[in-house]
Protein backbone atom coordinates (compact mmCIF):
# COMPACT_ATOMS: atom_id res chain seq x y z
CA MET A 1 -0.01 0.10 -0.12
CA LYS A 2 1.15 3.36 -0.94
CA SER A 3 -0.02 6.79 0.35
CA ILE A 4 0.60 10.20 -0.53
CA VAL A 5 0.83 12.35 2.48
CA TRP A 6 0.00 15.99 1.72
CA PHE A 7 1.83 18.12 4.29
CA ARG A 8 0.15 21.47 4.71
CA GLU A 9 0.09 23.44 7.95
CA ASP A 10 1.50 20.39 9.99
CA LEU A 11 5.39 20.30 9.45
CA ARG A 12 6.03 17.73 12.06
CA LEU A 13 6.39 13.96 12.66
CA LEU A 14 5.18 13.77 16.24
CA ASP A 15 1.35 13.68 16.63
CA ASN A 16 0.57 13.78 13.03
CA ALA A 17 -2.55 11.88 12.46
CA ALA A 18 -2.08 11.80 8.60
CA LEU A 19 1.51 10.63 8.63
CA THR A 20 0.61 8.14 11.23
CA PHE A 21 -2.26 6.69 9.32
CA ALA A 22 -0.20 6.53 6.08
CA ALA A 23 2.77 5.03 7.91
CA ALA A 24 0.58 2.11 9.27
CA GLN A 25 -0.65 1.32 5.67
CA GLY A 26 2.72 0.89 4.08
CA ASP A 27 5.18 3.01 2.15
CA ILE A 28 4.66 6.96 2.33
CA ILE A 29 5.16 9.69 -0.22
CA PRO A 30 5.42 12.92 1.53
CA LEU A 31 4.30 15.97 -0.68
CA PHE A 32 4.40 19.75 -0.07
CA ILE A 33 2.82 22.15 -2.62
CA TYR A 34 4.27 25.82 -2.85
CA PRO A 35 1.80 28.21 -1.21
CA GLU A 36 1.04 31.31 -3.29
CA SER A 37 -0.06 33.85 -0.83
CA LEU A 38 2.25 33.96 2.21
CA GLY A 39 3.86 37.17 3.33
CA GLY A 40 7.90 37.68 3.22
CA ALA A 41 8.53 36.70 6.80
CA SER A 42 6.57 33.65 6.79
CA TYR A 43 8.17 32.54 3.43
CA TRP A 44 11.51 32.79 5.37
CA TRP A 45 10.07 30.48 8.22
CA LEU A 46 8.55 28.10 5.79
CA HIS A 47 11.85 27.57 4.15
CA LYS A 48 13.50 26.87 7.34
CA SER A 49 10.77 24.70 8.49
CA LEU A 50 10.69 22.77 5.38
CA GLU A 51 14.41 22.11 5.71
CA SER A 52 14.12 20.78 9.13
CA LEU A 53 11.17 18.31 7.92
CA GLN A 54 13.23 17.30 4.88
CA LEU A 55 16.06 16.43 7.22
CA ASP A 56 13.76 14.67 9.77
CA LEU A 57 12.10 12.51 6.90
CA ALA A 58 15.68 11.65 5.34
CA LYS A 59 16.49 9.89 8.75
CA SER A 60 14.21 7.22 7.58
CA GLY A 61 15.06 7.41 3.91
CA VAL A 62 12.00 9.07 2.87
CA GLU A 63 12.27 12.04 0.37
CA LEU A 64 10.00 15.09 0.73
CA ILE A 65 8.49 15.92 -2.68
CA PHE A 66 8.21 19.64 -3.75
CA ARG A 67 5.88 20.73 -6.33
CA THR A 68 4.31 23.95 -7.79
CA GLY A 69 0.98 24.49 -9.23
CA ASP A 70 -2.78 23.59 -8.63
CA CYS A 71 -3.14 20.89 -5.68
CA VAL A 72 -5.76 18.87 -7.69
CA GLN A 73 -3.58 18.52 -10.68
CA ILE A 74 -0.60 18.02 -8.75
CA ILE A 75 -2.00 15.21 -6.67
CA GLU A 76 -3.53 13.67 -9.58
CA ASP A 77 -0.44 13.35 -11.49
CA LEU A 78 1.54 12.08 -8.52
CA VAL A 79 -1.06 9.23 -7.92
CA VAL A 80 -0.42 8.23 -11.30
CA GLU A 81 3.39 8.39 -11.28
CA THR A 82 3.66 6.30 -8.01
CA ASN A 83 0.58 4.20 -8.35
CA ALA A 84 -0.37 5.34 -4.81
CA ASN A 85 -3.53 3.86 -3.08
CA ASN A 86 -4.29 6.67 -0.79
CA VAL A 87 -4.05 10.29 -0.43
CA VAL A 88 -4.11 11.79 3.17
CA TRP A 89 -3.66 15.20 4.79
CA ASN A 90 -4.65 17.17 7.92
CA ARG A 91 -7.24 19.70 7.50
CA VAL A 92 -6.72 23.32 7.21
CA TYR A 93 -9.74 25.68 8.31
CA SER A 94 -8.92 29.04 6.13
CA PRO A 95 -11.46 29.58 3.36
CA SER A 96 -8.85 28.44 0.82
CA GLY A 97 -7.64 25.70 2.53
CA ILE A 98 -11.14 24.19 3.10
CA ALA A 99 -11.99 24.83 -0.79
CA ASP A 100 -8.76 22.97 -1.63
CA GLY A 101 -9.48 20.18 0.51
CA LYS A 102 -12.75 19.84 -1.04
CA ARG A 103 -11.59 19.87 -4.36
CA VAL A 104 -8.91 17.25 -4.02
CA LYS A 105 -11.50 15.00 -2.37
CA SER A 106 -13.81 15.43 -5.10
CA ALA A 107 -11.22 14.53 -7.75
CA LEU A 108 -10.06 11.53 -6.09
CA ASN A 109 -13.41 10.35 -5.41
CA ALA A 110 -13.92 10.47 -9.16
CA LYS A 111 -10.96 8.55 -9.82
CA LYS A 112 -11.69 6.06 -7.15
CA VAL A 113 -8.46 6.77 -5.23
CA GLY A 114 -8.59 6.34 -1.64
CA GLN A 115 -8.42 9.60 0.35
CA ARG A 116 -8.90 10.62 3.99
CA SER A 117 -8.37 13.93 5.88
CA PHE A 118 -7.67 14.17 9.68
CA SER A 119 -8.06 16.78 12.53
CA GLY A 120 -4.67 17.67 13.32
CA GLN A 121 -4.39 21.26 13.98
CA LEU A 122 -7.18 21.91 16.66
CA LEU A 123 -8.20 20.59 19.78
CA ILE A 124 -11.70 20.59 18.77
CA GLU A 125 -13.43 20.75 15.27
CA PRO A 126 -15.04 24.08 14.36
CA ASP A 127 -18.36 22.34 13.56
CA ALA A 128 -18.53 20.50 16.68
CA VAL A 129 -19.14 23.49 18.99
CA LYS A 130 -22.43 25.38 19.05
CA ASN A 131 -24.54 27.44 21.50
CA LYS A 132 -27.75 26.27 23.06
CA GLN A 133 -29.73 27.64 19.95
CA GLY A 134 -27.53 25.43 17.68
CA LEU A 135 -25.72 28.55 16.29
CA PRO A 136 -21.99 29.41 16.40
CA PHE A 137 -20.74 31.24 19.49
CA LYS A 138 -19.84 34.81 18.72
CA VAL A 139 -18.34 35.63 22.29
CA PHE A 140 -15.03 34.03 23.30
CA THR A 141 -15.76 33.45 26.98
CA PRO A 142 -18.93 31.30 26.39
CA PHE A 143 -17.19 29.60 23.57
CA TRP A 144 -14.18 28.44 25.44
CA ARG A 145 -16.20 27.72 28.79
CA HIS A 146 -18.22 25.46 26.67
CA CYS A 147 -15.12 23.93 24.99
CA LYS A 148 -13.28 23.15 28.33
CA GLN A 149 -16.53 21.24 29.39
CA VAL A 150 -16.36 19.06 26.41
CA LEU A 151 -12.87 18.82 25.42
CA ALA A 152 -11.10 15.50 25.67
CA PRO A 153 -8.36 15.54 23.18
CA GLU A 154 -6.60 12.22 22.63
CA ARG A 155 -3.07 11.71 23.74
CA PRO A 156 -0.43 12.69 21.15
CA LEU A 157 0.57 10.19 18.58
CA ASP A 158 4.08 8.93 18.72
CA VAL A 159 6.47 9.35 15.69
CA PRO A 160 5.69 6.38 13.35
CA GLU A 161 8.22 4.22 11.65
CA LEU A 162 8.26 5.33 8.02
CA THR A 163 8.75 3.43 4.99
CA PRO A 164 9.92 5.09 1.77
CA ILE A 165 8.82 4.02 -1.82
CA ILE A 166 11.70 2.56 -3.79
CA GLU A 167 11.48 4.59 -6.87
CA LYS A 168 11.57 8.28 -5.94
CA PRO A 169 9.17 10.68 -7.99
CA ALA A 170 10.49 13.81 -9.61
CA SER A 171 10.65 17.14 -7.16
CA GLU A 172 11.56 20.50 -7.39
CA LYS A 173 14.33 21.93 -5.20
CA LEU A 174 13.39 23.85 -2.07
CA ALA A 175 16.37 26.38 -2.64
CA GLU A 176 14.88 27.13 -6.21
CA TRP A 177 11.56 28.49 -4.54
CA GLY A 178 13.41 31.76 -3.63
CA LEU A 179 11.62 31.88 -0.32
CA ILE A 180 15.00 33.45 1.52
CA PRO A 181 15.42 37.00 0.60
CA SER A 182 18.53 38.20 -1.07
CA THR A 183 18.24 41.34 -2.67
CA PRO A 184 18.45 42.76 -0.18
CA ASP A 185 18.48 40.07 2.52
CA TRP A 186 16.56 41.76 5.33
CA SER A 187 16.32 38.34 7.33
CA GLN A 188 19.35 38.81 9.72
CA GLY A 189 17.65 39.70 12.68
CA ILE A 190 14.93 37.17 12.07
CA ASN A 191 17.58 34.56 11.67
CA ASP A 192 19.26 35.53 14.85
CA ARG A 193 15.85 35.02 16.85
CA TRP A 194 14.44 31.92 15.67
CA GLN A 195 14.97 28.32 15.21
CA PRO A 196 12.09 27.20 12.85
CA GLY A 197 11.30 23.41 12.58
CA GLU A 198 10.07 20.57 14.94
CA LEU A 199 13.17 20.49 17.25
CA GLY A 200 13.04 24.16 17.53
CA ALA A 201 9.66 24.15 18.69
CA SER A 202 10.19 21.36 21.22
CA GLU A 203 13.26 23.19 22.47
CA ARG A 204 11.05 26.50 22.75
CA TRP A 205 8.29 24.66 24.63
CA GLU A 206 10.57 22.92 27.11
CA THR A 207 12.38 26.19 27.88
CA PHE A 208 9.01 27.89 28.59
CA LEU A 209 7.70 25.21 30.95
CA ASP A 210 11.12 25.07 32.70
CA GLU A 211 11.73 28.72 33.01
CA SER A 212 8.75 31.02 32.34
CA ILE A 213 5.34 29.34 32.81
CA ASP A 214 4.88 29.99 36.61
CA GLU A 215 5.38 33.99 35.80
CA TYR A 216 3.17 33.67 32.90
CA GLN A 217 -0.30 35.08 34.36
CA GLN A 218 1.35 38.17 35.99
CA GLY A 219 4.27 38.76 33.44
CA ARG A 220 2.94 38.22 30.01
CA ASP A 221 1.69 41.75 29.60
CA PHE A 222 5.09 43.23 30.00
CA PRO A 223 7.15 43.25 27.02
CA SER A 224 10.51 43.60 28.50
CA LYS A 225 10.05 40.36 30.47
CA PRO A 226 10.72 37.09 28.53
CA VAL A 227 7.88 34.90 30.07
CA THR A 228 5.78 34.55 26.90
CA SER A 229 6.24 31.18 25.14
CA TYR A 230 7.21 32.51 21.45
CA LEU A 231 5.42 29.30 20.24
CA SER A 232 3.05 31.09 17.93
CA PRO A 233 5.06 30.77 14.59
CA HIS A 234 5.81 27.03 15.72
CA LEU A 235 2.04 26.54 15.96
CA VAL A 236 1.35 28.42 12.70
CA PHE A 237 3.37 26.10 10.67
CA GLY A 238 2.32 23.05 12.75
CA GLU A 239 5.80 22.20 13.93
CA ILE A 240 4.16 21.32 17.47
CA SER A 241 0.52 20.23 18.07
CA PRO A 242 -1.87 21.75 20.42
CA ARG A 243 -2.69 18.38 21.85
CA VAL A 244 0.91 18.06 22.99
CA LEU A 245 0.60 21.46 24.85
CA TRP A 246 -2.68 20.47 26.34
CA HIS A 247 -1.43 17.21 27.81
CA ASP A 248 2.13 18.32 28.87
CA LEU A 249 0.37 21.03 30.89
CA HIS A 250 -2.23 18.82 32.56
CA ASP A 251 0.41 16.10 33.27
CA ARG A 252 2.60 18.72 35.03
CA ILE A 253 -0.54 20.32 36.97
CA ALA A 254 -1.45 16.59 38.16
CA LEU A 255 2.40 16.25 39.19
CA GLY A 256 2.08 19.80 40.98
CA THR A 257 5.29 21.08 38.90
CA VAL A 258 3.14 23.75 37.20
CA ASP A 259 0.87 26.15 38.81
CA ALA A 260 -2.74 25.68 37.57
CA ASP A 261 -3.66 29.17 37.19
CA ASN A 262 -0.59 30.11 34.91
CA ALA A 263 -1.26 26.80 32.83
CA ASN A 264 -4.88 27.80 32.30
CA LYS A 265 -4.15 31.34 31.48
CA PHE A 266 -1.77 30.06 28.76
CA LEU A 267 -4.28 27.43 27.60
CA SER A 268 -6.90 30.42 27.27
CA GLU A 269 -4.56 31.76 24.56
CA ILE A 270 -4.58 28.40 22.84
CA GLY A 271 -8.21 28.84 23.27
CA TRP A 272 -8.28 32.06 21.45
CA ARG A 273 -6.48 30.38 18.56
CA GLU A 274 -9.16 27.85 18.29
CA TYR A 275 -11.83 30.63 18.65
CA SER A 276 -9.95 32.51 15.57
CA ARG A 277 -10.32 29.49 13.47
CA TYR A 278 -13.82 28.85 14.74
CA LEU A 279 -14.81 32.20 13.67
CA LEU A 280 -13.04 32.27 10.31
CA PHE A 281 -14.88 28.70 9.62
CA HIS A 282 -18.31 29.88 10.42
CA PHE A 283 -17.79 33.52 9.12
CA PRO A 284 -15.33 33.34 6.20
CA HIS A 285 -16.25 36.91 4.95
CA ILE A 286 -14.30 38.55 7.94
CA THR A 287 -11.10 38.50 5.87
CA GLU A 288 -12.72 41.10 3.66
CA SER A 289 -15.42 42.92 5.54
CA SER A 290 -16.28 43.82 9.21
CA PHE A 291 -17.99 41.25 11.41
CA ASN A 292 -20.04 44.02 12.73
CA LYS A 293 -22.01 45.43 9.76
CA LYS A 294 -22.43 48.73 11.46
CA PHE A 295 -18.64 49.41 10.56
CA GLU A 296 -19.20 49.33 6.89
CA CYS A 297 -20.24 53.00 7.35
CA PHE A 298 -17.15 53.85 9.35
CA PRO A 299 -15.31 56.98 7.92
CA TRP A 300 -11.89 55.32 7.43
CA GLN A 301 -9.03 57.75 6.38
CA ASN A 302 -6.54 57.07 3.54
CA ASN A 303 -3.29 58.66 4.83
CA ASP A 304 -0.31 57.16 3.47
CA GLN A 305 1.91 59.53 5.21
CA LEU A 306 0.54 58.30 8.84
CA LEU A 307 0.55 54.56 7.53
CA GLN A 308 4.06 54.96 6.64
CA ALA A 309 5.15 56.54 9.73
CA TRP A 310 3.33 53.76 11.61
CA GLN A 311 5.12 51.10 9.58
CA GLN A 312 8.44 52.46 10.20
CA GLY A 313 8.15 53.12 13.96
CA ASN A 314 8.30 56.83 13.32
CA THR A 315 5.13 58.01 15.40
CA GLY A 316 6.73 59.81 17.99
CA TYR A 317 5.15 57.69 20.59
CA PRO A 318 8.07 55.40 21.89
CA ILE A 319 5.81 52.16 22.77
CA ILE A 320 4.36 52.37 19.29
CA ASP A 321 7.69 52.85 17.65
CA ALA A 322 9.42 50.12 19.79
CA GLY A 323 6.80 47.59 18.85
CA MET A 324 6.94 48.48 15.06
CA ARG A 325 10.80 48.28 15.03
CA GLU A 326 10.82 44.99 16.87
CA LEU A 327 8.52 43.59 14.25
CA TRP A 328 10.55 44.77 11.34
CA GLN A 329 13.91 43.44 12.89
CA THR A 330 12.64 40.16 14.16
CA GLY A 331 9.47 39.20 12.67
CA TYR A 332 7.72 39.26 15.91
CA MET A 333 5.85 41.81 18.53
CA HIS A 334 4.92 41.32 22.01
CA ASN A 335 0.91 40.47 22.20
CA ARG A 336 0.41 43.41 24.53
CA VAL A 337 2.35 45.89 22.12
CA ARG A 338 0.21 44.39 19.19
CA MET A 339 -2.76 45.72 20.82
CA ILE A 340 -1.29 49.18 21.47
CA VAL A 341 -0.12 49.59 18.06
CA ALA A 342 -3.16 48.24 16.28
CA SER A 343 -5.40 50.71 18.58
CA PHE A 344 -3.18 53.43 17.52
CA LEU A 345 -3.58 52.89 13.78
CA THR A 346 -7.39 52.17 13.60
CA LYS A 347 -8.27 54.94 16.39
CA HIS A 348 -5.63 57.64 16.49
CA CYS A 349 -4.87 57.56 12.80
CA LEU A 350 -8.58 56.30 11.59
CA ILE A 351 -6.76 53.86 9.09
CA HIS A 352 -8.71 50.78 8.13
CA TRP A 353 -7.68 47.64 10.09
CA SER A 354 -7.12 45.68 6.74
CA LYS A 355 -4.03 47.99 6.18
CA GLY A 356 -2.63 46.92 9.47
CA MET A 357 -3.61 43.29 9.05
CA ASP A 358 -1.82 43.45 5.49
CA TRP A 359 1.32 44.90 7.05
CA PHE A 360 1.27 42.23 9.81
CA TRP A 361 0.68 39.46 7.26
CA ASP A 362 3.80 40.47 5.38
CA THR A 363 6.17 41.23 8.43
CA LEU A 364 5.11 38.62 11.01
CA VAL A 365 6.77 35.15 11.33
CA ASP A 366 3.58 34.13 12.98
CA ALA A 367 1.28 35.53 10.47
CA ASP A 368 -1.82 33.48 10.54
CA ILE A 369 -5.03 34.37 8.60
CA ALA A 370 -7.57 33.55 11.40
CA ASN A 371 -5.70 35.17 14.25
CA ASN A 372 -4.64 38.02 12.23
CA THR A 373 -8.23 38.67 10.92
CA ALA A 374 -9.76 38.25 14.40
CA SER A 375 -7.30 40.12 16.27
CA TRP A 376 -7.30 43.23 14.19
CA GLN A 377 -11.15 43.18 13.94
CA TRP A 378 -11.21 42.73 17.78
CA ILE A 379 -9.08 45.78 18.59
CA ALA A 380 -10.72 48.05 15.88
CA GLY A 381 -14.04 47.19 17.54
CA SER A 382 -15.59 45.82 14.17
CA GLY A 383 -15.10 42.12 15.06
CA ALA A 384 -16.92 39.48 17.04
CA ASP A 385 -16.71 39.93 20.84
CA ALA A 386 -14.85 43.21 19.96
CA ALA A 387 -13.36 45.56 22.41
CA PRO A 388 -15.74 48.56 22.59
CA TYR A 389 -14.70 51.09 19.91
CA PHE A 390 -14.49 53.91 22.76
CA ARG A 391 -11.73 51.83 24.32
CA ILE A 392 -8.79 53.89 22.89
CA PHE A 393 -5.56 52.88 24.38
CA ASN A 394 -3.35 56.07 25.37
CA PRO A 395 0.02 55.13 24.17
CA ILE A 396 1.57 57.12 27.10
CA LEU A 397 -0.13 55.42 29.71
CA GLN A 398 0.12 52.17 28.06
CA GLY A 399 3.98 52.49 28.07
CA GLU A 400 4.05 53.88 31.27
CA LYS A 401 2.18 50.98 32.68
CA PHE A 402 3.70 48.10 30.83
CA ASP A 403 7.28 49.41 30.42
CA LYS A 404 7.65 51.56 33.47
CA GLU A 405 11.48 51.18 33.41
CA GLY A 406 11.86 51.64 29.87
CA GLY A 407 13.76 48.21 29.13
CA TYR A 408 11.69 47.43 25.90
CA VAL A 409 11.51 50.97 24.56
CA LYS A 410 15.31 51.60 25.05
CA LYS A 411 16.20 48.30 23.35
CA TRP A 412 14.24 48.94 20.17
CA VAL A 413 14.28 52.94 20.32
CA PRO A 414 17.99 53.55 21.23
CA GLU A 415 17.71 57.26 20.42
CA LEU A 416 15.81 57.54 23.67
CA ALA A 417 18.20 55.20 25.83
CA LEU A 418 19.71 58.10 27.87
CA LEU A 419 16.53 59.89 28.39
CA ASP A 420 15.13 59.66 32.22
CA SER A 421 12.13 57.08 32.53
CA LYS A 422 10.00 60.10 33.67
CA TYR A 423 9.90 61.51 30.11
CA LEU A 424 10.63 58.25 28.28
CA HIS A 425 7.12 57.93 26.98
CA LYS A 426 6.46 61.42 26.45
CA PRO A 427 9.81 62.89 25.41
CA TRP A 428 8.24 66.08 24.14
CA GLU A 429 7.35 67.09 27.73
CA ALA A 430 11.08 67.08 28.61
CA SER A 431 12.90 70.47 28.90
CA PRO A 432 15.67 71.42 26.11
CA GLU A 433 18.17 70.81 28.91
CA ILE A 434 17.10 67.23 29.58
CA LEU A 435 16.70 66.35 26.00
CA GLU A 436 20.29 67.70 25.25
CA GLN A 437 21.72 65.74 27.99
CA ALA A 438 19.96 62.64 26.65
CA GLU A 439 21.24 63.43 23.09
CA VAL A 440 17.60 63.61 22.00
CA GLU A 441 16.74 66.05 19.13
CA LEU A 442 13.12 66.16 18.49
CA GLY A 443 12.24 66.29 14.92
CA LEU A 444 15.89 65.24 13.94
CA ASN A 445 16.92 61.83 15.64
CA TYR A 446 13.56 61.16 17.04
CA SER A 447 10.02 62.34 15.76
CA TYR A 448 7.51 64.59 17.29
CA PRO A 449 4.03 62.93 17.75
CA ILE A 450 2.45 62.38 14.30
CA VAL A 451 -1.02 62.88 16.02
CA ASP A 452 -2.22 64.33 19.15
CA HIS A 453 -3.46 62.01 21.73
CA LYS A 454 -6.32 64.01 22.84
CA GLU A 455 -7.28 65.39 19.59
CA ALA A 456 -7.25 61.95 17.88
CA ARG A 457 -9.40 60.61 20.75
CA LEU A 458 -11.87 63.02 20.15
CA ARG A 459 -11.80 62.71 16.47
CA ALA A 460 -12.18 58.78 16.68
CA LEU A 461 -15.24 59.21 18.98
CA ALA A 462 -16.80 61.44 16.65
CA ALA A 463 -16.15 59.20 13.79
CA TYR A 464 -17.64 56.35 15.72
CA SER A 465 -20.82 58.61 16.47
CA GLN A 466 -20.95 59.34 12.71
CA SER A 467 -20.85 55.73 11.68
CA LYS A 468 -23.50 54.77 14.15
CA GLU A 469 -25.96 57.33 12.69
CA LEU A 470 -25.08 56.23 9.03
CA SER A 471 -25.66 52.65 9.85
CA LYS A 472 -29.46 53.40 10.88
CA PHE A 473 -30.07 54.23 7.10
CA ASN A 474 -28.30 51.04 5.74
């Protein structure tokens, strides 16, 4: 028996349901098809992750096949080339991922080729969770409360023994896909920060469990404290499964080696990941338009100058600039800071959430269509279970609260490294003498604020009131 294993968002051997099923049937033919729509930082990660998977498979003499083109045609051709009996894969929950799975399934059924898809990326399938009315949940808290009552994920599957086919089919070369930037190569900072691949994911998880999780609940909001897991890109590419996280934490809770409150707080973040995919599964239109239809009348502004200043980390608000520069240099941004910068773009600048979503999609190594969409709409006020629009983060107070000593800002905005912490988050209030001592020249080596916070807040509230009035007539 020969089985094609179509790798998608599951670049791992441990707890891979499709791979384990195929290995039990006989010879395996692993396949990866070039994805057309990732951002630049994600392509960098994908290259490194596929290199890692390639090496792990090669230890069993198995060659990963790379192909470019339409998934249906590629899989049909490979079935003919290898005389494969089955094609198996783990399900993907984006609109395009669902559509591709359905097209492949239909084509294989028509040709009477065995096929099977598996749940491998979530703790619970999106169509298995409904409220008392039999409808999808639209608020996270009751969704996750319900999930925790019914969740009983199976134990993770071991790495299976793999048997390669004797005659290797033709394959493109990963290096020829050009996923690593070269002209110019902007990836050095990302390369220094991350270790993509299943081994990197496992080591990151073990480090978090051993060193950080007991500070997670209290420390996760402070960007200068290294207490977050940094697992998000590993989860995006399926280098570690949520079942591993779930059972490892519950095992340690039972042993008394991990505090239950910290563990459950972390698991609630896994819950948000589940919820994001759940929303996208049931409401696929949210990648293009607001979940809350009232926001279709919102008077968003097209201001390329403000957008560019935000993208480049030159807004004049240190916590915003630190986050945007961390993102550009490392492909990552602390979650608390993501909320602050997103609020600033959508409310202080009145720029549509999709502009920020697109920038994150291109620059984040953990860019994920479900999380990216749900999170941007949440902070903009236009999404399911969204933060109220009138909750407008004050970037000065947010900086003073979550980066009081300035460790985060001084790292990513070195122009302000010598500035007294009293003025660090509002340098324009410092006297000329203090600025001179700190070697800060506003308007020269650091920007003045591109918008005034108080004025921007009033403008945002007025725009919201206007949109509410307009929505009455639509």
